Amino acid sequence: MISFPANPRTPKQVAHREMFKQEVQLAASMRWAINKSFKEVSYEMGMTPYNLFVHLNQHAFSLNEGVFTVDYSALRLSTGPLEEAVYEAPEWTADNVLTVRFARGGGKWSDYVRLYVHCPELGLGILTAPVYRNDKKVSAMLPTMFAGREVHVYGLVSNDEGMWAETTYVGRLICSEREVTSGQWPVVSEERGEGGVEFGVDRREEVVDERANQLSTEQPPDRSKDCRRR
């Protein structure tokens, strides 16, 4: 016989539900990254990308006296067997362009490297278009709304077979008014196919901008001949 507690709203149960709610909201704010990086592995495990994100990141969450906190440096936005790249500290190479240089770190030259730049205050993030391991740097052009706010930068590696490396936390920084000046939306995510690359910005519903959903034919350059000669 199954019995249920007389009061399903005990303090412990309420805290558990509130923490899960906050975790799912965080997953939603990072959906451009995790919907791509967790797509295959979550399907194999019979989970959604959101649920896999929550499952893998319990160590990074805490709820104390009703206050939900996140250790952003410990978050896992990807998981898999590929070798991580070795990243240097983020730097500003133009007024609104954040660049991270990296060493190949093993793996194939044709593996892809991306940055994911997340702003907790706004609850949105930027997923860059991919570059090859041999390119040795990857950049993100940030929108004006990031000015004066804290961002966290992550390095992600994947390949054409749908495999990923573990996430690398690249660093935390504050975007100054001088550094983020562009009114243009950046390249934030891509889907390969005959239609080219689809761009979009991860944000809450109140900051939806139609300019974030545009098509481009831009693709990573074909360097297969160059790399075969090396």
C-alpha atoms as a PDB file:
ATOM      1  CA  MET A   1       0.000   0.000   0.000  1.00  0.00           C
ATOM      2  CA  ILE A   2       1.349   3.400  -0.980  1.00  0.00           C
ATOM      3  CA  SER A   3       1.125   6.158   1.608  1.00  0.00           C
ATOM      4  CA  PHE A   4       1.629   9.880   1.102  1.00  0.00           C
ATOM      5  CA  PRO A   5       2.773  12.486   3.622  1.00  0.00           C
ATOM      6  CA  ALA A   6      -0.044  14.406   5.230  1.00  0.00           C
ATOM      7  CA  ASN A   7       1.628  17.701   4.316  1.00  0.00           C
ATOM      8  CA  PRO A   8       3.397  17.679   0.935  1.00  0.00           C
ATOM      9  CA  ARG A   9       4.629  21.216   1.603  1.00  0.00           C
ATOM     10  CA  THR A  10       7.095  20.576   4.380  1.00  0.00           C
ATOM     11  CA  PRO A  11      10.008  23.043   4.448  1.00  0.00           C
ATOM     12  CA  LYS A  12      12.345  20.423   2.992  1.00  0.00           C
ATOM     13  CA  GLN A  13       9.983  19.585   0.136  1.00  0.00           C
ATOM     14  CA  VAL A  14       9.324  23.239  -0.648  1.00  0.00           C
ATOM     15  CA  ALA A  15      13.054  23.936  -0.705  1.00  0.00           C
ATOM     16  CA  HIS A  16      13.639  20.958  -3.006  1.00  0.00           C
ATOM     17  CA  ARG A  17      10.980  22.125  -5.458  1.00  0.00           C
ATOM     18  CA  GLU A  18      12.283  25.684  -5.401  1.00  0.00           C
ATOM     19  CA  MET A  19      15.831  24.521  -6.067  1.00  0.00           C
ATOM     20  CA  PHE A  20      14.699  22.345  -8.986  1.00  0.00           C
ATOM     21  CA  LYS A  21      12.724  25.277 -10.396  1.00  0.00           C
ATOM     22  CA  GLN A  22      15.803  27.518 -10.240  1.00  0.00           C
ATOM     23  CA  GLU A  23      17.965  24.810 -11.837  1.00  0.00           C
ATOM     24  CA  VAL A  24      15.573  24.405 -14.763  1.00  0.00           C
ATOM     25  CA  GLN A  25      15.399  28.186 -15.220  1.00  0.00           C
ATOM     26  CA  LEU A  26      19.191  28.296 -15.383  1.00  0.00           C
ATOM     27  CA  ALA A  27      19.168  25.477 -17.932  1.00  0.00           C
ATOM     28  CA  ALA A  28      16.650  27.433 -20.018  1.00  0.00           C
ATOM     29  CA  SER A  29      18.880  30.511 -19.937  1.00  0.00           C
ATOM     30  CA  MET A  30      21.751  28.390 -21.302  1.00  0.00           C
ATOM     31  CA  ARG A  31      19.673  26.523 -23.856  1.00  0.00           C
ATOM     32  CA  TRP A  32      21.681  27.584 -26.914  1.00  0.00           C
ATOM     33  CA  ALA A  33      24.666  25.716 -25.515  1.00  0.00           C
ATOM     34  CA  ILE A  34      23.092  22.687 -23.865  1.00  0.00           C
ATOM     35  CA  ASN A  35      20.492  21.941 -26.556  1.00  0.00           C
ATOM     36  CA  LYS A  36      23.418  21.474 -28.908  1.00  0.00           C
ATOM     37  CA  SER A  37      26.010  19.850 -26.645  1.00  0.00           C
ATOM     38  CA  PHE A  38      23.636  17.505 -24.784  1.00  0.00           C
ATOM     39  CA  LYS A  39      21.346  16.642 -27.706  1.00  0.00           C
ATOM     40  CA  GLU A  40      22.801  13.231 -28.584  1.00  0.00           C
ATOM     41  CA  VAL A  41      23.925  12.050 -25.159  1.00  0.00           C
ATOM     42  CA  SER A  42      20.666  13.038 -23.433  1.00  0.00           C
ATOM     43  CA  TYR A  43      18.677  11.136 -26.069  1.00  0.00           C
ATOM     44  CA  GLU A  44      20.800   8.039 -25.478  1.00  0.00           C
ATOM     45  CA  MET A  45      20.136   8.317 -21.741  1.00  0.00           C
ATOM     46  CA  GLY A  46      16.391   8.849 -22.186  1.00  0.00           C
ATOM     47  CA  MET A  47      16.576  12.390 -20.818  1.00  0.00           C
ATOM     48  CA  THR A  48      16.042  15.913 -22.088  1.00  0.00           C
ATOM     49  CA  PRO A  49      19.052  18.262 -22.397  1.00  0.00           C
ATOM     50  CA  TYR A  50      17.608  20.300 -19.501  1.00  0.00           C
ATOM     51  CA  ASN A  51      17.336  17.254 -17.235  1.00  0.00           C
ATOM     52  CA  LEU A  52      20.840  16.103 -18.121  1.00  0.00           C
ATOM     53  CA  PHE A  53      22.182  19.586 -17.340  1.00  0.00           C
ATOM     54  CA  VAL A  54      20.519  19.515 -13.914  1.00  0.00           C
ATOM     55  CA  HIS A  55      21.743  15.947 -13.287  1.00  0.00           C
ATOM     56  CA  LEU A  56      25.370  16.748 -14.130  1.00  0.00           C
ATOM     57  CA  ASN A  57      25.538  19.996 -12.164  1.00  0.00           C
ATOM     58  CA  GLN A  58      24.158  19.227  -8.724  1.00  0.00           C
ATOM     59  CA  HIS A  59      27.626  19.904  -7.317  1.00  0.00           C
ATOM     60  CA  ALA A  60      27.435  23.509  -8.583  1.00  0.00           C
ATOM     61  CA  PHE A  61      24.046  24.393  -7.033  1.00  0.00           C
ATOM     62  CA  SER A  62      23.072  25.331  -3.501  1.00  0.00           C
ATOM     63  CA  LEU A  63      20.029  26.787  -1.763  1.00  0.00           C
ATOM     64  CA  ASN A  64      20.641  28.495   1.572  1.00  0.00           C
ATOM     65  CA  GLU A  65      17.810  30.273   3.380  1.00  0.00           C
ATOM     66  CA  GLY A  66      15.879  30.534   0.158  1.00  0.00           C
ATOM     67  CA  VAL A  67      18.789  31.973  -1.846  1.00  0.00           C
ATOM     68  CA  PHE A  68      19.827  29.927  -4.890  1.00  0.00           C
ATOM     69  CA  THR A  69      23.512  30.187  -5.784  1.00  0.00           C
ATOM     70  CA  VAL A  70      25.534  28.799  -8.670  1.00  0.00           C
ATOM     71  CA  ASP A  71      29.239  28.062  -8.892  1.00  0.00           C
ATOM     72  CA  TYR A  72      29.610  29.098 -12.532  1.00  0.00           C
ATOM     73  CA  SER A  73      33.208  27.934 -12.649  1.00  0.00           C
ATOM     74  CA  ALA A  74      32.068  24.354 -11.956  1.00  0.00           C
ATOM     75  CA  LEU A  75      29.246  24.088 -14.502  1.00  0.00           C
ATOM     76  CA  ARG A  76      29.350  21.324 -17.107  1.00  0.00           C
ATOM     77  CA  LEU A  77      27.790  22.457 -20.386  1.00  0.00           C
ATOM     78  CA  SER A  78      29.118  19.477 -22.332  1.00  0.00           C
ATOM     79  CA  THR A  79      30.416  15.997 -21.668  1.00  0.00           C
ATOM     80  CA  GLY A  80      32.231  13.406 -23.737  1.00  0.00           C
ATOM     81  CA  PRO A  81      35.497  11.708 -24.709  1.00  0.00           C
ATOM     82  CA  LEU A  82      37.136  14.343 -26.929  1.00  0.00           C
ATOM     83  CA  GLU A  83      40.240  16.129 -25.702  1.00  0.00           C
ATOM     84  CA  GLU A  84      39.781  19.660 -24.473  1.00  0.00           C
ATOM     85  CA  ALA A  85      41.628  22.570 -26.030  1.00  0.00           C
ATOM     86  CA  VAL A  86      44.003  24.544 -23.772  1.00  0.00           C
ATOM     87  CA  TYR A  87      42.696  28.083 -23.437  1.00  0.00           C
ATOM     88  CA  GLU A  88      44.431  31.337 -22.578  1.00  0.00           C
ATOM     89  CA  ALA A  89      42.732  34.131 -20.631  1.00  0.00           C
ATOM     90  CA  PRO A  90      40.033  36.077 -22.533  1.00  0.00           C
ATOM     91  CA  GLU A  91      41.120  39.376 -24.078  1.00  0.00           C
ATOM     92  CA  TRP A  92      39.455  42.286 -25.837  1.00  0.00           C
ATOM     93  CA  THR A  93      40.726  42.517 -29.420  1.00  0.00           C
ATOM     94  CA  ALA A  94      38.233  45.214 -30.423  1.00  0.00           C
ATOM     95  CA  ASP A  95      35.715  47.393 -28.610  1.00  0.00           C
ATOM     96  CA  ASN A  96      33.086  44.676 -28.514  1.00  0.00           C
ATOM     97  CA  VAL A  97      34.974  41.541 -29.587  1.00  0.00           C
ATOM     98  CA  LEU A  98      36.069  39.049 -26.939  1.00  0.00           C
ATOM     99  CA  THR A  99      38.826  36.715 -28.177  1.00  0.00           C
ATOM    100  CA  VAL A 100      40.270  33.592 -26.593  1.00  0.00           C
ATOM    101  CA  ARG A 101      43.445  32.023 -27.962  1.00  0.00           C
ATOM    102  CA  PHE A 102      43.985  28.320 -27.443  1.00  0.00           C
ATOM    103  CA  ALA A 103      46.433  25.491 -28.036  1.00  0.00           C
ATOM    104  CA  ARG A 104      45.195  22.454 -29.919  1.00  0.00           C
ATOM    105  CA  GLY A 105      45.495  20.129 -26.927  1.00  0.00           C
ATOM    106  CA  GLY A 106      45.408  16.944 -28.953  1.00  0.00           C
ATOM    107  CA  GLY A 107      42.507  15.654 -30.970  1.00  0.00           C
ATOM    108  CA  LYS A 108      41.891  16.079 -34.692  1.00  0.00           C
ATOM    109  CA  TRP A 109      42.501  19.323 -36.576  1.00  0.00           C
ATOM    110  CA  SER A 110      38.909  19.082 -37.831  1.00  0.00           C
ATOM    111  CA  ASP A 111      37.382  19.205 -34.332  1.00  0.00           C
ATOM    112  CA  TYR A 112      35.371  22.345 -33.671  1.00  0.00           C
ATOM    113  CA  VAL A 113      36.021  24.865 -30.897  1.00  0.00           C
ATOM    114  CA  ARG A 114      33.376  27.299 -29.648  1.00  0.00           C
ATOM    115  CA  LEU A 115      32.947  29.822 -26.872  1.00  0.00           C
ATOM    116  CA  TYR A 116      29.841  30.152 -24.773  1.00  0.00           C
ATOM    117  CA  VAL A 117      29.606  33.543 -23.020  1.00  0.00           C
ATOM    118  CA  HIS A 118      26.909  33.699 -20.341  1.00  0.00           C
ATOM    119  CA  CYS A 119      25.549  36.751 -18.515  1.00  0.00           C
ATOM    120  CA  PRO A 120      23.777  35.660 -15.292  1.00  0.00           C
ATOM    121  CA  GLU A 121      22.199  39.065 -14.681  1.00  0.00           C
ATOM    122  CA  LEU A 122      20.379  38.996 -18.018  1.00  0.00           C
ATOM    123  CA  GLY A 123      19.871  35.248 -18.111  1.00  0.00           C
ATOM    124  CA  LEU A 124      21.188  34.903 -21.639  1.00  0.00           C
ATOM    125  CA  GLY A 125      24.251  33.683 -23.458  1.00  0.00           C
ATOM    126  CA  ILE A 126      26.208  33.791 -26.707  1.00  0.00           C
ATOM    127  CA  LEU A 127      27.308  30.593 -28.462  1.00  0.00           C
ATOM    128  CA  THR A 128      29.863  31.403 -31.149  1.00  0.00           C
ATOM    129  CA  ALA A 129      30.089  29.842 -34.573  1.00  0.00           C
ATOM    130  CA  PRO A 130      32.700  27.058 -34.639  1.00  0.00           C
ATOM    131  CA  VAL A 131      36.349  27.324 -35.622  1.00  0.00           C
ATOM    132  CA  TYR A 132      38.789  24.453 -36.164  1.00  0.00           C
ATOM    133  CA  ARG A 133      41.356  23.358 -33.573  1.00  0.00           C
ATOM    134  CA  ASN A 134      44.085  24.545 -35.944  1.00  0.00           C
ATOM    135  CA  ASP A 135      42.674  28.099 -35.992  1.00  0.00           C
ATOM    136  CA  LYS A 136      44.087  28.692 -32.487  1.00  0.00           C
ATOM    137  CA  LYS A 137      41.639  31.464 -31.565  1.00  0.00           C
ATOM    138  CA  VAL A 138      37.894  31.992 -31.342  1.00  0.00           C
ATOM    139  CA  SER A 139      36.001  35.254 -30.900  1.00  0.00           C
ATOM    140  CA  ALA A 140      32.588  36.431 -29.693  1.00  0.00           C
ATOM    141  CA  MET A 141      31.063  39.807 -30.574  1.00  0.00           C
ATOM    142  CA  LEU A 142      28.966  40.878 -27.597  1.00  0.00           C
ATOM    143  CA  PRO A 143      25.699  42.850 -27.697  1.00  0.00           C
ATOM    144  CA  THR A 144      25.341  46.277 -26.071  1.00  0.00           C
ATOM    145  CA  MET A 145      23.166  44.900 -23.263  1.00  0.00           C
ATOM    146  CA  PHE A 146      26.245  43.130 -21.824  1.00  0.00           C
ATOM    147  CA  ALA A 147      27.950  46.469 -21.036  1.00  0.00           C
ATOM    148  CA  GLY A 148      28.814  46.835 -17.354  1.00  0.00           C
ATOM    149  CA  ARG A 149      27.742  43.281 -16.522  1.00  0.00           C
ATOM    150  CA  GLU A 150      29.539  40.121 -15.399  1.00  0.00           C
ATOM    151  CA  VAL A 151      29.977  37.304 -17.897  1.00  0.00           C
ATOM    152  CA  HIS A 152      31.378  33.782 -17.640  1.00  0.00           C
ATOM    153  CA  VAL A 153      33.267  32.256 -20.568  1.00  0.00           C
ATOM    154  CA  TYR A 154      33.347  28.543 -21.418  1.00  0.00           C
ATOM    155  CA  GLY A 155      35.266  26.592 -24.057  1.00  0.00           C
ATOM    156  CA  LEU A 156      33.490  23.761 -25.889  1.00  0.00           C
ATOM    157  CA  VAL A 157      34.940  21.198 -28.322  1.00  0.00           C
ATOM    158  CA  SER A 158      32.955  18.912 -30.643  1.00  0.00           C
ATOM    159  CA  ASN A 159      33.264  16.993 -33.904  1.00  0.00           C
ATOM    160  CA  ASP A 160      31.134  16.020 -36.894  1.00  0.00           C
ATOM    161  CA  GLU A 161      30.166  12.728 -35.247  1.00  0.00           C
ATOM    162  CA  GLY A 162      28.279  14.511 -32.473  1.00  0.00           C
ATOM    163  CA  MET A 163      30.883  13.855 -29.778  1.00  0.00           C
ATOM    164  CA  TRP A 164      31.998  16.521 -27.315  1.00  0.00           C
ATOM    165  CA  ALA A 165      34.757  17.192 -24.814  1.00  0.00           C
ATOM    166  CA  GLU A 166      34.205  18.126 -21.189  1.00  0.00           C
ATOM    167  CA  THR A 167      33.580  21.820 -20.607  1.00  0.00           C
ATOM    168  CA  THR A 168      36.511  24.140 -19.900  1.00  0.00           C
ATOM    169  CA  TYR A 169      35.814  27.193 -17.731  1.00  0.00           C
ATOM    170  CA  VAL A 170      37.873  29.926 -19.388  1.00  0.00           C
ATOM    171  CA  GLY A 171      37.184  32.767 -16.981  1.00  0.00           C
ATOM    172  CA  ARG A 172      35.010  35.525 -15.565  1.00  0.00           C
ATOM    173  CA  LEU A 173      35.106  39.197 -16.499  1.00  0.00           C
ATOM    174  CA  ILE A 174      33.121  42.417 -16.374  1.00  0.00           C
ATOM    175  CA  CYS A 175      32.170  44.015 -19.687  1.00  0.00           C
ATOM    176  CA  SER A 176      32.854  47.741 -19.460  1.00  0.00           C
ATOM    177  CA  GLU A 177      30.910  50.430 -21.311  1.00  0.00           C
ATOM    178  CA  ARG A 178      33.948  51.020 -23.525  1.00  0.00           C
ATOM    179  CA  GLU A 179      34.376  47.372 -24.444  1.00  0.00           C
ATOM    180  CA  VAL A 180      30.805  46.622 -25.498  1.00  0.00           C
ATOM    181  CA  THR A 181      29.708  49.344 -27.887  1.00  0.00           C
ATOM    182  CA  SER A 182      28.236  47.638 -30.953  1.00  0.00           C
ATOM    183  CA  GLY A 183      24.523  47.803 -31.663  1.00  0.00           C
ATOM    184  CA  GLN A 184      24.697  44.684 -33.836  1.00  0.00           C
ATOM    185  CA  TRP A 185      23.726  41.228 -32.670  1.00  0.00           C
ATOM    186  CA  PRO A 186      26.571  38.694 -32.712  1.00  0.00           C
ATOM    187  CA  VAL A 187      26.867  35.252 -34.240  1.00  0.00           C
ATOM    188  CA  VAL A 188      25.647  33.002 -31.472  1.00  0.00           C
ATOM    189  CA  SER A 189      24.749  29.574 -32.728  1.00  0.00           C
ATOM    190  CA  GLU A 190      24.835  27.501 -35.866  1.00  0.00           C
ATOM    191  CA  GLU A 191      23.086  24.598 -37.509  1.00  0.00           C
ATOM    192  CA  ARG A 192      24.803  22.964 -40.470  1.00  0.00           C
ATOM    193  CA  GLY A 193      22.907  22.121 -43.625  1.00  0.00           C
ATOM    194  CA  GLU A 194      22.134  23.321 -47.108  1.00  0.00           C
ATOM    195  CA  GLY A 195      20.395  26.374 -45.702  1.00  0.00           C
ATOM    196  CA  GLY A 196      23.623  27.699 -44.223  1.00  0.00           C
ATOM    197  CA  VAL A 197      23.998  28.862 -40.635  1.00  0.00           C
ATOM    198  CA  GLU A 198      21.161  29.887 -38.354  1.00  0.00           C
ATOM    199  CA  PHE A 199      21.941  32.597 -35.855  1.00  0.00           C
ATOM    200  CA  GLY A 200      20.106  33.306 -32.629  1.00  0.00           C
ATOM    201  CA  VAL A 201      20.512  34.829 -29.165  1.00  0.00           C
ATOM    202  CA  ASP A 202      19.563  32.999 -25.983  1.00  0.00           C
ATOM    203  CA  ARG A 203      17.506  35.325 -23.827  1.00  0.00           C
ATOM    204  CA  ARG A 204      14.409  35.577 -21.671  1.00  0.00           C
ATOM    205  CA  GLU A 205      11.101  36.272 -23.397  1.00  0.00           C
ATOM    206  CA  GLU A 206      11.078  39.960 -22.473  1.00  0.00           C
ATOM    207  CA  VAL A 207      14.247  40.666 -24.455  1.00  0.00           C
ATOM    208  CA  VAL A 208      13.404  38.824 -27.669  1.00  0.00           C
ATOM    209  CA  ASP A 209      14.857  40.576 -30.717  1.00  0.00           C
ATOM    210  CA  GLU A 210      14.007  39.491 -34.247  1.00  0.00           C
ATOM    211  CA  ARG A 211      17.490  40.415 -35.433  1.00  0.00           C
ATOM    212  CA  ALA A 212      18.766  37.429 -33.500  1.00  0.00           C
ATOM    213  CA  ASN A 213      17.067  35.011 -35.895  1.00  0.00           C
ATOM    214  CA  GLN A 214      18.660  35.561 -39.274  1.00  0.00           C
ATOM    215  CA  LEU A 215      20.242  33.288 -41.838  1.00  0.00           C
ATOM    216  CA  SER A 216      23.780  33.377 -43.117  1.00  0.00           C
ATOM    217  CA  THR A 217      25.677  31.294 -45.616  1.00  0.00           C
ATOM    218  CA  GLU A 218      28.867  31.645 -43.641  1.00  0.00           C
ATOM    219  CA  GLN A 219      30.624  28.317 -42.978  1.00  0.00           C
ATOM    220  CA  PRO A 220      34.039  27.432 -41.529  1.00  0.00           C
ATOM    221  CA  PRO A 221      36.618  27.530 -44.333  1.00  0.00           C
ATOM    222  CA  ASP A 222      37.653  24.260 -45.963  1.00  0.00           C
ATOM    223  CA  ARG A 223      41.224  23.706 -44.816  1.00  0.00           C
ATOM    224  CA  SER A 224      41.382  19.982 -45.545  1.00  0.00           C
ATOM    225  CA  LYS A 225      43.990  20.366 -48.306  1.00  0.00           C
ATOM    226  CA  ASP A 226      46.171  22.641 -46.170  1.00  0.00           C
ATOM    227  CA  CYS A 227      46.032  20.301 -43.205  1.00  0.00           C
ATOM    228  CA  ARG A 228      46.810  17.200 -45.257  1.00  0.00           C
ATOM    229  CA  ARG A 229      50.025  18.854 -46.365  1.00  0.00           C
ATOM    230  CA  ARG A 230      51.148  19.421 -42.760  1.00  0.00           C
END
